[in-house]
Amino acid sequence: MDISKIFKNNEEWVQKKLNVEPGYFNELAKGQAPDILYIGCSDSRVSAEELMGVAPGDVFVLRNIANMVPNTDLSVMSVINYAVMHLKVNHIVVCGHYYCGGVQAAMKSADLGILNPWLRNIRDVYRTHQEELNAIEDEEQRYKRLVELNVEEQCINVIKTAEVQKARAERNLTIHGWVFDIHTGKLIDLKIDFIKLLEKIMQIYHLD
């Protein structure tokens, strides 16, 4: 890719916005009030705003390898804190995608250096759901199901955070688990039953 072309693209984008709404950037500069926090994968094929069809300012976005929410990651925890406590978002979306390289890498024995401790979190998801996953004979379908289960587990990690628990007690903050299907371009709502999932762990994490 010719990097210089990016600046040309930017100029065209700016002009296109101004042609439709002359005060567009003045309004954008006044601040943000997104209703959604989106936690997705860093995969270059998965652009959060584009796949949702939303404009700048509509969504607060965090992306990392395999859309993880580990409580030891200060970046993830800081984003959740800011989005929930300061921006007052009403929806938190964890969105994975089929054919995720991070999920596939986690299931291989290769030494990936600094990625090893990060991918270990996905291996823990596999361990937690090992019986279900091992029963799936087709490897592709097993990976796809692991993508779904990883989204489910990361949603639970979101709910475990103190900020989210406090906000859910004060307002209607909703958690969503989605998957993006790269083959079709469609977003899939996993319709996760959090009440059922959290029944067994509520006493441990003191969840509301």
Protein backbone atom coordinates (compact mmCIF):
# COMPACT_ATOMS: atom_id res chain seq x y z
CA MET A 1 0.00 0.00 0.00
CA ASP A 2 1.18 3.52 -0.83
CA ILE A 3 1.03 5.25 2.58
CA SER A 4 0.87 8.70 0.98
CA LYS A 5 -2.46 7.73 -0.60
CA ILE A 6 -3.98 7.63 2.90
CA PHE A 7 -3.64 11.41 3.19
CA LYS A 8 -5.30 11.83 -0.20
CA ASN A 9 -8.12 9.57 0.96
CA ASN A 10 -8.41 11.67 4.11
CA GLU A 11 -8.72 14.90 2.11
CA GLU A 12 -11.47 13.37 0.00
CA TRP A 13 -13.27 12.10 3.11
CA VAL A 14 -13.11 15.54 4.75
CA GLN A 15 -14.48 17.25 1.65
CA LYS A 16 -17.24 14.67 1.31
CA LYS A 17 -18.34 15.28 4.90
CA LEU A 18 -18.24 19.06 4.48
CA ASN A 19 -20.25 18.90 1.26
CA VAL A 20 -23.06 17.17 3.13
CA GLU A 21 -22.77 19.11 6.39
CA PRO A 22 -20.53 22.22 6.48
CA GLY A 23 -20.38 22.25 10.30
CA TYR A 24 -19.70 18.52 10.65
CA PHE A 25 -16.25 18.75 12.24
CA ASN A 26 -17.21 21.68 14.46
CA GLU A 27 -19.95 19.51 15.94
CA LEU A 28 -17.61 16.52 16.23
CA ALA A 29 -15.09 18.61 18.15
CA LYS A 30 -17.63 19.50 20.83
CA GLY A 31 -17.29 16.08 22.46
CA GLN A 32 -18.55 12.52 22.36
CA ALA A 33 -21.63 10.85 23.79
CA PRO A 34 -21.61 7.29 22.45
CA ASP A 35 -24.29 4.88 23.64
CA ILE A 36 -22.25 1.76 22.92
CA LEU A 37 -18.91 0.36 24.06
CA TYR A 38 -17.68 -2.11 21.44
CA ILE A 39 -14.97 -4.63 22.37
CA GLY A 40 -13.79 -6.43 19.27
CA CYS A 41 -10.85 -8.12 17.59
CA SER A 42 -7.88 -6.25 16.07
CA ASP A 43 -8.21 -8.30 12.87
CA SER A 44 -7.79 -5.92 9.91
CA ARG A 45 -10.83 -7.45 8.20
CA VAL A 46 -13.19 -6.48 11.01
CA SER A 47 -13.86 -2.73 11.11
CA ALA A 48 -16.22 -1.97 13.99
CA GLU A 49 -17.91 1.19 12.71
CA GLU A 50 -18.19 -0.03 9.13
CA LEU A 51 -19.77 -3.41 9.90
CA MET A 52 -22.30 -1.74 12.22
CA GLY A 53 -23.02 1.10 9.82
CA VAL A 54 -22.48 3.81 12.44
CA ALA A 55 -20.85 7.23 12.28
CA PRO A 56 -17.92 8.75 14.22
CA GLY A 57 -19.07 9.55 17.74
CA ASP A 58 -21.63 6.73 17.91
CA VAL A 59 -19.44 3.98 19.38
CA PHE A 60 -16.55 3.86 21.85
CA VAL A 61 -14.22 1.16 20.51
CA LEU A 62 -11.60 -1.15 22.01
CA ARG A 63 -9.93 -3.76 19.83
CA ASN A 64 -7.34 -6.37 20.78
CA ILE A 65 -6.35 -9.86 19.71
CA ALA A 66 -9.39 -12.16 19.97
CA ASN A 67 -11.62 -9.56 21.73
CA MET A 68 -10.37 -10.46 25.20
CA VAL A 69 -11.40 -8.91 28.54
CA PRO A 70 -8.74 -10.10 31.03
CA ASN A 71 -8.96 -8.34 34.39
CA THR A 72 -5.17 -8.00 34.44
CA ASP A 73 -5.09 -5.80 31.34
CA LEU A 74 -5.03 -2.13 32.34
CA SER A 75 -6.00 -0.97 28.86
CA VAL A 76 -9.17 -3.06 28.83
CA MET A 77 -10.10 -2.15 32.40
CA SER A 78 -9.46 1.56 31.77
CA VAL A 79 -11.64 1.58 28.67
CA ILE A 80 -14.49 -0.13 30.50
CA ASN A 81 -14.15 2.29 33.41
CA TYR A 82 -14.20 5.36 31.19
CA ALA A 83 -17.04 4.13 28.98
CA VAL A 84 -19.26 3.07 31.88
CA MET A 85 -18.50 5.66 34.55
CA HIS A 86 -17.83 8.76 32.45
CA LEU A 87 -19.42 8.30 29.02
CA LYS A 88 -22.38 6.50 30.62
CA VAL A 89 -22.85 4.02 27.77
CA ASN A 90 -26.00 1.91 27.95
CA HIS A 91 -24.74 -1.03 25.89
CA ILE A 92 -21.52 -3.04 25.98
CA VAL A 93 -20.89 -5.32 23.00
CA VAL A 94 -18.27 -8.06 22.88
CA CYS A 95 -17.93 -9.06 19.23
CA GLY A 96 -15.83 -11.97 18.02
CA HIS A 97 -15.55 -13.24 14.47
CA TYR A 98 -15.36 -16.62 12.80
CA TYR A 99 -11.94 -17.65 11.47
CA CYS A 100 -10.23 -15.60 14.18
CA GLY A 101 -6.46 -16.05 13.94
CA GLY A 102 -6.05 -15.52 17.68
CA VAL A 103 -8.45 -18.33 18.53
CA GLN A 104 -6.79 -20.66 16.03
CA ALA A 105 -3.30 -19.77 17.28
CA ALA A 106 -4.35 -20.50 20.87
CA MET A 107 -5.15 -24.08 19.92
CA LYS A 108 -1.71 -24.76 18.44
CA SER A 109 1.41 -25.76 20.36
CA ALA A 110 3.78 -23.29 18.65
CA ASP A 111 5.80 -20.91 20.82
CA LEU A 112 4.48 -17.43 19.96
CA GLY A 113 6.60 -15.44 22.37
CA ILE A 114 4.85 -12.48 24.02
CA LEU A 115 1.53 -13.79 22.69
CA ASN A 116 1.73 -16.92 24.86
CA PRO A 117 0.27 -15.43 28.08
CA TRP A 118 -2.42 -13.58 26.11
CA LEU A 119 -3.52 -16.68 24.22
CA ARG A 120 -3.52 -18.68 27.45
CA ASN A 121 -6.78 -16.91 28.29
CA ILE A 122 -8.38 -18.49 25.23
CA ARG A 123 -6.96 -21.88 26.16
CA ASP A 124 -8.65 -21.45 29.54
CA VAL A 125 -11.95 -20.95 27.71
CA TYR A 126 -11.33 -24.22 25.86
CA ARG A 127 -10.51 -25.97 29.13
CA THR A 128 -13.72 -24.70 30.70
CA HIS A 129 -15.79 -26.01 27.77
CA GLN A 130 -13.57 -28.94 26.84
CA GLU A 131 -16.29 -31.61 26.94
CA GLU A 132 -18.56 -29.73 24.54
CA LEU A 133 -15.75 -28.76 22.16
CA ASN A 134 -14.10 -32.18 22.04
CA ALA A 135 -17.45 -33.67 21.05
CA ILE A 136 -17.39 -31.60 17.82
CA GLU A 137 -15.57 -33.75 15.27
CA ASP A 138 -15.29 -31.18 12.48
CA GLU A 139 -12.29 -28.94 13.25
CA GLU A 140 -13.72 -25.87 11.52
CA GLN A 141 -16.98 -26.12 13.45
CA ARG A 142 -15.04 -26.64 16.68
CA TYR A 143 -13.10 -23.41 16.09
CA LYS A 144 -16.30 -21.55 15.28
CA ARG A 145 -17.91 -22.78 18.48
CA LEU A 146 -14.82 -21.76 20.45
CA VAL A 147 -15.16 -18.26 18.97
CA GLU A 148 -18.75 -18.15 20.31
CA LEU A 149 -17.78 -19.51 23.72
CA ASN A 150 -14.91 -17.04 23.95
CA VAL A 151 -17.35 -14.18 23.35
CA GLU A 152 -19.59 -15.63 26.06
CA GLU A 153 -16.74 -15.84 28.57
CA GLN A 154 -15.52 -12.33 27.79
CA CYS A 155 -19.05 -11.00 28.33
CA ILE A 156 -18.99 -12.64 31.76
CA ASN A 157 -15.63 -10.98 32.42
CA VAL A 158 -17.23 -7.63 31.56
CA ILE A 159 -20.06 -8.26 34.01
CA LYS A 160 -17.58 -9.19 36.76
CA THR A 161 -16.05 -5.71 36.77
CA ALA A 162 -17.04 -3.45 39.66
CA GLU A 163 -17.92 -0.54 37.36
CA VAL A 164 -20.36 -2.62 35.35
CA GLN A 165 -21.98 -4.13 38.43
CA LYS A 166 -22.47 -0.69 39.94
CA ALA A 167 -23.86 0.74 36.70
CA ARG A 168 -26.25 -2.18 36.22
CA ALA A 169 -27.66 -1.47 39.69
CA GLU A 170 -28.23 2.19 38.77
CA ARG A 171 -29.40 2.08 35.15
CA ASN A 172 -30.30 -0.21 32.29
CA LEU A 173 -26.81 -1.22 31.14
CA THR A 174 -27.06 -4.18 28.76
CA ILE A 175 -24.31 -6.62 27.75
CA HIS A 176 -24.39 -8.18 24.28
CA GLY A 177 -22.41 -11.06 22.75
CA TRP A 178 -22.08 -10.96 18.97
CA VAL A 179 -20.12 -12.74 16.25
CA PHE A 180 -19.22 -11.33 12.84
CA ASP A 181 -19.33 -13.90 10.04
CA ILE A 182 -16.62 -12.91 7.58
CA HIS A 183 -17.99 -15.26 4.92
CA THR A 184 -21.38 -13.53 4.82
CA GLY A 185 -20.68 -10.11 6.32
CA LYS A 186 -23.50 -10.60 8.80
CA LEU A 187 -23.55 -9.82 12.50
CA ILE A 188 -24.96 -12.62 14.65
CA ASP A 189 -26.49 -11.97 18.06
CA LEU A 190 -25.64 -15.00 20.21
CA LYS A 191 -28.61 -14.17 22.49
CA ILE A 192 -26.66 -15.26 25.57
CA ASP A 193 -28.76 -16.16 28.60
CA PHE A 194 -26.66 -14.35 31.21
CA ILE A 195 -29.11 -15.06 34.05
CA LYS A 196 -28.66 -18.80 33.55
CA LEU A 197 -24.89 -18.53 33.05
CA LEU A 198 -24.32 -16.43 36.14
CA GLU A 199 -26.44 -18.50 38.52
CA LYS A 200 -23.52 -20.75 39.46
CA ILE A 201 -21.00 -17.98 40.07
CA MET A 202 -23.03 -15.11 41.55
CA GLN A 203 -22.01 -15.92 45.11
CA ILE A 204 -18.34 -16.11 44.17
CA TYR A 205 -18.17 -12.77 42.39
CA HIS A 206 -21.02 -11.07 44.29
CA LEU A 207 -22.75 -10.20 41.05
CA ASP A 208 -25.96 -8.21 40.89
